[in-house]
């Protein structure tokens, strides 16, 4: 199709990374924010929304921490979390956050 003289083609947005290099989990976090933790771990959404911003950030860090554990360490912990009721899962995440899991070498007070 030829563009008539004097008219410019509409500019289009191009993705910053090719589709093959996109990280689906990063896109999930980008789209749903802290609700992603609820989706991934079955945490109660309303209860997570009532937490302070700092607590939601800490819970997100715990999720990333768990994701990065070696399989032998992660599997039993994930199984234990999965066997709990949603409110108990949230309590466990809050406890892990208070213990400093997911922080870079520091322990929470």
C-alpha atoms as a PDB file:
ATOM      1  CA  UNK A   1       0.000   0.000   0.000  1.00  0.00           C
ATOM      2  CA  UNK A   2       1.384   3.383  -0.917  1.00  0.00           C
ATOM      3  CA  UNK A   3       1.161   6.272   1.468  1.00  0.00           C
ATOM      4  CA  UNK A   4      -0.076   9.460  -0.195  1.00  0.00           C
ATOM      5  CA  UNK A   5       2.503  12.244  -0.331  1.00  0.00           C
ATOM      6  CA  UNK A   6       2.328  14.512   2.642  1.00  0.00           C
ATOM      7  CA  UNK A   7       0.878  11.862   4.998  1.00  0.00           C
ATOM      8  CA  UNK A   8       3.120  10.034   7.386  1.00  0.00           C
ATOM      9  CA  UNK A   9       2.587   6.500   8.456  1.00  0.00           C
ATOM     10  CA  UNK A  10       1.214   6.062  11.934  1.00  0.00           C
ATOM     11  CA  UNK A  11       3.930   5.232  14.404  1.00  0.00           C
ATOM     12  CA  UNK A  12       3.575   1.926  16.164  1.00  0.00           C
ATOM     13  CA  UNK A  13       4.862   0.707  19.478  1.00  0.00           C
ATOM     14  CA  UNK A  14       7.475  -2.014  19.345  1.00  0.00           C
ATOM     15  CA  UNK A  15       8.177  -4.339  22.255  1.00  0.00           C
ATOM     16  CA  UNK A  16      11.375  -3.757  24.169  1.00  0.00           C
ATOM     17  CA  UNK A  17      12.311  -7.435  24.022  1.00  0.00           C
ATOM     18  CA  UNK A  18      11.560 -10.111  21.470  1.00  0.00           C
ATOM     19  CA  UNK A  19       8.721 -12.437  22.449  1.00  0.00           C
ATOM     20  CA  UNK A  20      11.085 -15.334  22.985  1.00  0.00           C
ATOM     21  CA  UNK A  21      12.977 -13.466  25.728  1.00  0.00           C
ATOM     22  CA  UNK A  22       9.954 -12.210  27.659  1.00  0.00           C
ATOM     23  CA  UNK A  23       9.610 -13.556  31.169  1.00  0.00           C
ATOM     24  CA  UNK A  24       6.019 -14.743  31.721  1.00  0.00           C
ATOM     25  CA  UNK A  25       6.340 -14.466  35.486  1.00  0.00           C
ATOM     26  CA  UNK A  26       7.601 -10.884  35.222  1.00  0.00           C
ATOM     27  CA  UNK A  27       4.642 -10.069  32.989  1.00  0.00           C
ATOM     28  CA  UNK A  28       2.308 -11.660  35.545  1.00  0.00           C
ATOM     29  CA  UNK A  29       3.776  -9.508  38.339  1.00  0.00           C
ATOM     30  CA  UNK A  30       3.611  -6.455  36.096  1.00  0.00           C
ATOM     31  CA  UNK A  31      -0.055  -7.059  35.326  1.00  0.00           C
ATOM     32  CA  UNK A  32      -1.421  -8.177  38.677  1.00  0.00           C
ATOM     33  CA  UNK A  33       1.034  -6.728  41.200  1.00  0.00           C
ATOM     34  CA  UNK A  34       0.647  -8.133  44.692  1.00  0.00           C
ATOM     35  CA  UNK A  35      -2.383 -10.139  43.593  1.00  0.00           C
ATOM     36  CA  UNK A  36       0.175 -12.388  41.895  1.00  0.00           C
ATOM     37  CA  UNK A  37       1.186 -13.747  45.305  1.00  0.00           C
ATOM     38  CA  UNK A  38      -2.440 -14.657  45.910  1.00  0.00           C
ATOM     39  CA  UNK A  39      -2.674 -16.346  42.511  1.00  0.00           C
ATOM     40  CA  UNK A  40       0.561 -18.303  42.919  1.00  0.00           C
ATOM     41  CA  UNK A  41       0.146 -19.369  46.526  1.00  0.00           C
ATOM     42  CA  UNK A  42      -3.622 -19.363  47.079  1.00  0.00           C
ATOM     43  CA  UNK A  43      -3.502 -16.601  49.666  1.00  0.00           C
ATOM     44  CA  UNK A  44      -6.741 -14.819  50.591  1.00  0.00           C
ATOM     45  CA  UNK A  45      -6.889 -11.690  48.408  1.00  0.00           C
ATOM     46  CA  UNK A  46      -8.974  -9.575  50.781  1.00  0.00           C
ATOM     47  CA  UNK A  47      -6.620 -10.263  53.683  1.00  0.00           C
ATOM     48  CA  UNK A  48      -3.537  -9.440  51.599  1.00  0.00           C
ATOM     49  CA  UNK A  49      -5.161  -6.193  50.433  1.00  0.00           C
ATOM     50  CA  UNK A  50      -5.680  -5.177  54.084  1.00  0.00           C
ATOM     51  CA  UNK A  51      -1.957  -5.512  54.834  1.00  0.00           C
ATOM     52  CA  UNK A  52       0.287  -2.483  54.811  1.00  0.00           C
ATOM     53  CA  UNK A  53       2.314  -1.761  51.698  1.00  0.00           C
ATOM     54  CA  UNK A  54       5.467  -2.819  53.554  1.00  0.00           C
ATOM     55  CA  UNK A  55       3.922  -6.175  54.516  1.00  0.00           C
ATOM     56  CA  UNK A  56       2.747  -6.837  50.947  1.00  0.00           C
ATOM     57  CA  UNK A  57       6.266  -6.087  49.708  1.00  0.00           C
ATOM     58  CA  UNK A  58       7.716  -8.446  52.316  1.00  0.00           C
ATOM     59  CA  UNK A  59       5.328 -11.223  51.273  1.00  0.00           C
ATOM     60  CA  UNK A  60       6.296 -10.714  47.625  1.00  0.00           C
ATOM     61  CA  UNK A  61       9.977 -11.015  48.631  1.00  0.00           C
ATOM     62  CA  UNK A  62       9.192 -14.259  50.485  1.00  0.00           C
ATOM     63  CA  UNK A  63       7.540 -15.626  47.334  1.00  0.00           C
ATOM     64  CA  UNK A  64      10.623 -14.767  45.280  1.00  0.00           C
ATOM     65  CA  UNK A  65      12.855 -16.249  47.990  1.00  0.00           C
ATOM     66  CA  UNK A  66      10.907 -19.533  47.906  1.00  0.00           C
ATOM     67  CA  UNK A  67      11.079 -19.586  44.123  1.00  0.00           C
ATOM     68  CA  UNK A  68      14.862 -19.299  44.243  1.00  0.00           C
ATOM     69  CA  UNK A  69      15.490 -22.079  46.768  1.00  0.00           C
ATOM     70  CA  UNK A  70      17.213 -25.270  45.641  1.00  0.00           C
ATOM     71  CA  UNK A  71      14.662 -27.979  44.830  1.00  0.00           C
ATOM     72  CA  UNK A  72      15.614 -30.181  47.791  1.00  0.00           C
ATOM     73  CA  UNK A  73      14.984 -27.280  50.170  1.00  0.00           C
ATOM     74  CA  UNK A  74      11.972 -25.839  48.364  1.00  0.00           C
ATOM     75  CA  UNK A  75       9.834 -28.944  47.757  1.00  0.00           C
ATOM     76  CA  UNK A  76       9.082 -29.877  51.388  1.00  0.00           C
ATOM     77  CA  UNK A  77       8.350 -26.248  52.268  1.00  0.00           C
ATOM     78  CA  UNK A  78       6.044 -25.782  49.269  1.00  0.00           C
ATOM     79  CA  UNK A  79       4.224 -29.037  50.095  1.00  0.00           C
ATOM     80  CA  UNK A  80       3.716 -27.901  53.677  1.00  0.00           C
ATOM     81  CA  UNK A  81       2.380 -24.532  52.519  1.00  0.00           C
ATOM     82  CA  UNK A  82       0.070 -26.161  49.954  1.00  0.00           C
ATOM     83  CA  UNK A  83      -1.455 -28.427  52.620  1.00  0.00           C
ATOM     84  CA  UNK A  84      -2.499 -25.456  54.779  1.00  0.00           C
ATOM     85  CA  UNK A  85      -5.701 -23.442  54.634  1.00  0.00           C
ATOM     86  CA  UNK A  86      -5.344 -20.060  52.869  1.00  0.00           C
ATOM     87  CA  UNK A  87      -5.359 -18.075  56.119  1.00  0.00           C
ATOM     88  CA  UNK A  88      -2.639 -20.351  57.556  1.00  0.00           C
ATOM     89  CA  UNK A  89      -0.591 -19.879  54.368  1.00  0.00           C
ATOM     90  CA  UNK A  90      -0.786 -16.125  54.804  1.00  0.00           C
ATOM     91  CA  UNK A  91       0.258 -16.462  58.459  1.00  0.00           C
ATOM     92  CA  UNK A  92       3.249 -18.562  57.369  1.00  0.00           C
ATOM     93  CA  UNK A  93       4.255 -15.986  54.745  1.00  0.00           C
ATOM     94  CA  UNK A  94       4.028 -13.201  57.318  1.00  0.00           C
ATOM     95  CA  UNK A  95       6.138 -15.245  59.743  1.00  0.00           C
ATOM     96  CA  UNK A  96       8.770 -15.947  57.061  1.00  0.00           C
ATOM     97  CA  UNK A  97       8.822 -12.233  56.238  1.00  0.00           C
ATOM     98  CA  UNK A  98       9.345 -11.339  59.916  1.00  0.00           C
ATOM     99  CA  UNK A  99      12.191 -13.884  60.046  1.00  0.00           C
ATOM    100  CA  UNK A 100      13.836 -12.018  57.187  1.00  0.00           C
ATOM    101  CA  UNK A 101      13.323 -14.606  54.452  1.00  0.00           C
ATOM    102  CA  UNK A 102      13.638 -12.890  51.130  1.00  0.00           C
ATOM    103  CA  UNK A 103      15.836 -10.077  52.351  1.00  0.00           C
ATOM    104  CA  UNK A 104      19.440  -9.797  51.343  1.00  0.00           C
ATOM    105  CA  UNK A 105      21.308 -11.217  54.306  1.00  0.00           C
ATOM    106  CA  UNK A 106      19.339  -9.351  56.954  1.00  0.00           C
ATOM    107  CA  UNK A 107      16.982 -10.646  59.591  1.00  0.00           C
ATOM    108  CA  UNK A 108      13.829  -8.701  60.357  1.00  0.00           C
ATOM    109  CA  UNK A 109      13.271  -7.551  63.918  1.00  0.00           C
END
